[in-house]
Amino acid sequence: MEPVVNGLEDIYGSEIDVRRLNANLPDGKSAFQYYSLQGHPSFVLLNPEGEVLWQGLGEQSSESLHENIDIALGK
């Protein structure tokens, strides 16, 4: 099964910046602590100012993830 985040760059182009972080590595651990993420996988959508627009925990359907991205982009 392909991760739900694969291909987001192709779909949204320069509208979003996708980052994949491993919670076991320093950058990922810092992000998990900063955003108070509770488990894997976790998703965070931020606006350009760094404010959280949406957080998701656990497996997300492609449809749900795209819907939340579209809402965050004002579509």
N, C-alpha and C. Protein backbone atom coordinates (compact mmCIF):
# COMPACT_ATOMS: atom_id res chain seq x y z
N MET A 1 0.84 -1.18 0.00
CA MET A 1 0.00 0.00 0.00
C MET A 1 0.89 1.24 0.00
N GLU A 2 0.58 2.16 -0.89
CA GLU A 2 1.37 3.38 -1.04
C GLU A 2 0.93 4.41 0.02
N PRO A 3 1.88 5.11 0.64
CA PRO A 3 1.50 6.14 1.63
C PRO A 3 0.58 7.19 1.01
N VAL A 4 -0.39 7.65 1.78
CA VAL A 4 -1.39 8.59 1.29
C VAL A 4 -0.77 9.93 0.89
N VAL A 5 0.40 10.25 1.40
CA VAL A 5 1.05 11.53 1.07
C VAL A 5 1.82 11.47 -0.25
N ASN A 6 2.06 10.27 -0.76
CA ASN A 6 2.77 10.18 -2.03
C ASN A 6 1.96 10.85 -3.12
N GLY A 7 2.61 11.67 -3.91
CA GLY A 7 1.99 12.33 -5.04
C GLY A 7 1.36 13.68 -4.73
N LEU A 8 1.35 14.10 -3.45
CA LEU A 8 0.75 15.39 -3.12
C LEU A 8 1.45 16.54 -3.84
N GLU A 9 2.76 16.44 -3.98
CA GLU A 9 3.51 17.49 -4.67
C GLU A 9 3.06 17.60 -6.13
N ASP A 10 2.79 16.47 -6.75
CA ASP A 10 2.34 16.47 -8.15
C ASP A 10 0.95 17.09 -8.29
N ILE A 11 0.10 16.83 -7.32
CA ILE A 11 -1.28 17.32 -7.39
C ILE A 11 -1.37 18.81 -7.06
N TYR A 12 -0.67 19.23 -6.00
CA TYR A 12 -0.80 20.60 -5.52
C TYR A 12 0.33 21.53 -5.96
N GLY A 13 1.36 20.97 -6.57
CA GLY A 13 2.45 21.80 -7.09
C GLY A 13 3.05 22.70 -6.04
N SER A 14 3.16 23.98 -6.37
CA SER A 14 3.78 24.94 -5.46
C SER A 14 2.81 25.49 -4.42
N GLU A 15 1.57 25.00 -4.41
CA GLU A 15 0.58 25.49 -3.44
C GLU A 15 0.90 25.02 -2.02
N ILE A 16 1.55 23.88 -1.90
CA ILE A 16 1.88 23.34 -0.57
C ILE A 16 3.32 22.86 -0.54
N ASP A 17 3.85 22.79 0.65
CA ASP A 17 5.18 22.25 0.89
C ASP A 17 4.99 20.99 1.74
N VAL A 18 5.31 19.85 1.18
CA VAL A 18 5.13 18.58 1.88
C VAL A 18 6.44 18.18 2.54
N ARG A 19 6.34 17.86 3.81
CA ARG A 19 7.51 17.39 4.56
C ARG A 19 7.15 16.08 5.24
N ARG A 20 8.04 15.13 5.10
CA ARG A 20 7.86 13.82 5.74
C ARG A 20 8.93 13.70 6.81
N LEU A 21 8.50 13.56 8.05
CA LEU A 21 9.44 13.50 9.16
C LEU A 21 9.30 12.18 9.89
N ASN A 22 10.43 11.66 10.31
CA ASN A 22 10.48 10.43 11.09
C ASN A 22 10.59 10.82 12.55
N ALA A 23 9.61 10.42 13.36
CA ALA A 23 9.59 10.79 14.78
C ALA A 23 10.76 10.23 15.57
N ASN A 24 11.50 9.29 14.99
CA ASN A 24 12.66 8.73 15.68
C ASN A 24 13.95 9.50 15.40
N LEU A 25 13.88 10.48 14.51
CA LEU A 25 15.04 11.31 14.19
C LEU A 25 14.85 12.69 14.80
N PRO A 26 15.93 13.43 15.02
CA PRO A 26 15.83 14.72 15.74
C PRO A 26 14.78 15.68 15.19
N ASP A 27 14.73 15.92 13.88
CA ASP A 27 13.75 16.86 13.33
C ASP A 27 12.32 16.39 13.58
N GLY A 28 12.09 15.11 13.36
CA GLY A 28 10.75 14.57 13.57
C GLY A 28 10.35 14.58 15.04
N LYS A 29 11.29 14.26 15.90
CA LYS A 29 11.00 14.26 17.34
C LYS A 29 10.64 15.66 17.81
N SER A 30 11.37 16.65 17.32
CA SER A 30 11.07 18.04 17.67
C SER A 30 9.68 18.45 17.20
N ALA A 31 9.33 18.06 15.98
CA ALA A 31 8.01 18.40 15.44
C ALA A 31 6.90 17.72 16.26
N PHE A 32 7.10 16.45 16.60
CA PHE A 32 6.10 15.73 17.39
C PHE A 32 5.88 16.42 18.73
N GLN A 33 6.96 16.86 19.36
CA GLN A 33 6.84 17.54 20.65
C GLN A 33 6.20 18.92 20.49
N TYR A 34 6.64 19.67 19.49
CA TYR A 34 6.15 21.03 19.28
C TYR A 34 4.65 21.06 19.01
N TYR A 35 4.17 20.14 18.18
CA TYR A 35 2.76 20.11 17.80
C TYR A 35 1.94 19.15 18.68
N SER A 36 2.55 18.62 19.72
CA SER A 36 1.88 17.70 20.66
C SER A 36 1.21 16.54 19.93
N LEU A 37 1.91 15.96 18.99
CA LEU A 37 1.37 14.84 18.22
C LEU A 37 1.40 13.58 19.09
N GLN A 38 0.34 12.80 19.00
CA GLN A 38 0.15 11.68 19.91
C GLN A 38 0.48 10.31 19.34
N GLY A 39 0.76 10.20 18.06
CA GLY A 39 1.04 8.87 17.50
C GLY A 39 1.38 8.94 16.03
N HIS A 40 1.46 7.74 15.45
CA HIS A 40 1.84 7.60 14.04
C HIS A 40 0.71 6.98 13.25
N PRO A 41 0.51 7.37 12.04
CA PRO A 41 1.04 8.58 11.44
C PRO A 41 0.26 9.80 11.93
N SER A 42 0.91 10.94 11.88
CA SER A 42 0.27 12.21 12.22
C SER A 42 0.43 13.16 11.05
N PHE A 43 -0.54 14.02 10.89
CA PHE A 43 -0.56 14.98 9.79
C PHE A 43 -0.83 16.36 10.37
N VAL A 44 -0.13 17.36 9.87
CA VAL A 44 -0.34 18.73 10.30
C VAL A 44 -0.35 19.62 9.07
N LEU A 45 -1.40 20.44 8.93
CA LEU A 45 -1.46 21.43 7.87
C LEU A 45 -1.27 22.80 8.51
N LEU A 46 -0.30 23.53 8.02
CA LEU A 46 0.02 24.86 8.54
C LEU A 46 -0.23 25.91 7.48
N ASN A 47 -0.57 27.11 7.90
CA ASN A 47 -0.64 28.21 6.96
C ASN A 47 0.76 28.81 6.81
N PRO A 48 0.95 29.77 5.92
CA PRO A 48 2.30 30.34 5.73
C PRO A 48 2.90 30.96 6.99
N GLU A 49 2.04 31.35 7.95
CA GLU A 49 2.53 31.93 9.20
C GLU A 49 2.88 30.86 10.23
N GLY A 50 2.66 29.60 9.89
CA GLY A 50 3.00 28.50 10.79
C GLY A 50 1.89 28.13 11.76
N GLU A 51 0.70 28.69 11.58
CA GLU A 51 -0.43 28.35 12.44
C GLU A 51 -1.07 27.05 11.97
N VAL A 52 -1.45 26.22 12.91
CA VAL A 52 -2.06 24.93 12.59
C VAL A 52 -3.47 25.14 12.06
N LEU A 53 -3.73 24.63 10.86
CA LEU A 53 -5.06 24.68 10.26
C LEU A 53 -5.82 23.38 10.48
N TRP A 54 -5.09 22.28 10.56
CA TRP A 54 -5.71 20.97 10.75
C TRP A 54 -4.65 19.99 11.21
N GLN A 55 -5.06 19.07 12.08
CA GLN A 55 -4.20 17.96 12.50
C GLN A 55 -5.00 16.67 12.36
N GLY A 56 -4.33 15.64 11.90
CA GLY A 56 -4.95 14.34 11.80
C GLY A 56 -4.06 13.29 12.44
N LEU A 57 -4.67 12.32 13.08
CA LEU A 57 -3.93 11.25 13.73
C LEU A 57 -4.43 9.92 13.18
N GLY A 58 -3.52 9.06 12.87
CA GLY A 58 -3.88 7.74 12.37
C GLY A 58 -4.02 7.75 10.86
N GLU A 59 -4.32 6.59 10.33
CA GLU A 59 -4.46 6.47 8.88
C GLU A 59 -5.56 7.41 8.38
N GLN A 60 -5.28 8.07 7.28
CA GLN A 60 -6.23 8.97 6.64
C GLN A 60 -6.52 8.44 5.25
N SER A 61 -7.75 8.56 4.84
CA SER A 61 -8.04 8.20 3.45
C SER A 61 -7.51 9.32 2.56
N SER A 62 -7.22 8.98 1.33
CA SER A 62 -6.77 9.98 0.38
C SER A 62 -7.81 11.08 0.24
N GLU A 63 -9.08 10.70 0.19
CA GLU A 63 -10.16 11.67 0.04
C GLU A 63 -10.19 12.64 1.21
N SER A 64 -10.06 12.14 2.42
CA SER A 64 -10.08 12.98 3.61
C SER A 64 -8.90 13.95 3.62
N LEU A 65 -7.73 13.44 3.29
CA LEU A 65 -6.55 14.30 3.29
C LEU A 65 -6.69 15.40 2.23
N HIS A 66 -7.13 15.03 1.04
CA HIS A 66 -7.31 16.03 -0.02
C HIS A 66 -8.38 17.05 0.35
N GLU A 67 -9.45 16.60 0.98
CA GLU A 67 -10.51 17.51 1.41
C GLU A 67 -9.97 18.53 2.40
N ASN A 68 -9.18 18.07 3.37
CA ASN A 68 -8.63 18.98 4.36
C ASN A 68 -7.60 19.93 3.76
N ILE A 69 -6.83 19.47 2.81
CA ILE A 69 -5.88 20.36 2.13
C ILE A 69 -6.65 21.40 1.34
N ASP A 70 -7.67 20.99 0.61
CA ASP A 70 -8.47 21.93 -0.17
C ASP A 70 -9.12 22.98 0.72
N ILE A 71 -9.65 22.58 1.87
CA ILE A 71 -10.24 23.53 2.82
C ILE A 71 -9.16 24.52 3.28
N ALA A 72 -7.99 24.01 3.63
CA ALA A 72 -6.90 24.88 4.09
C ALA A 72 -6.48 25.87 3.00
N LEU A 73 -6.59 25.44 1.74
CA LEU A 73 -6.21 26.32 0.62
C LEU A 73 -7.36 27.23 0.20
N GLY A 74 -8.51 27.08 0.83
CA GLY A 74 -9.66 27.92 0.50
C GLY A 74 -10.34 27.52 -0.80
N LYS A 75 -10.26 26.26 -1.14
CA LYS A 75 -10.90 25.76 -2.39
C LYS A 75 -12.28 25.23 -2.12
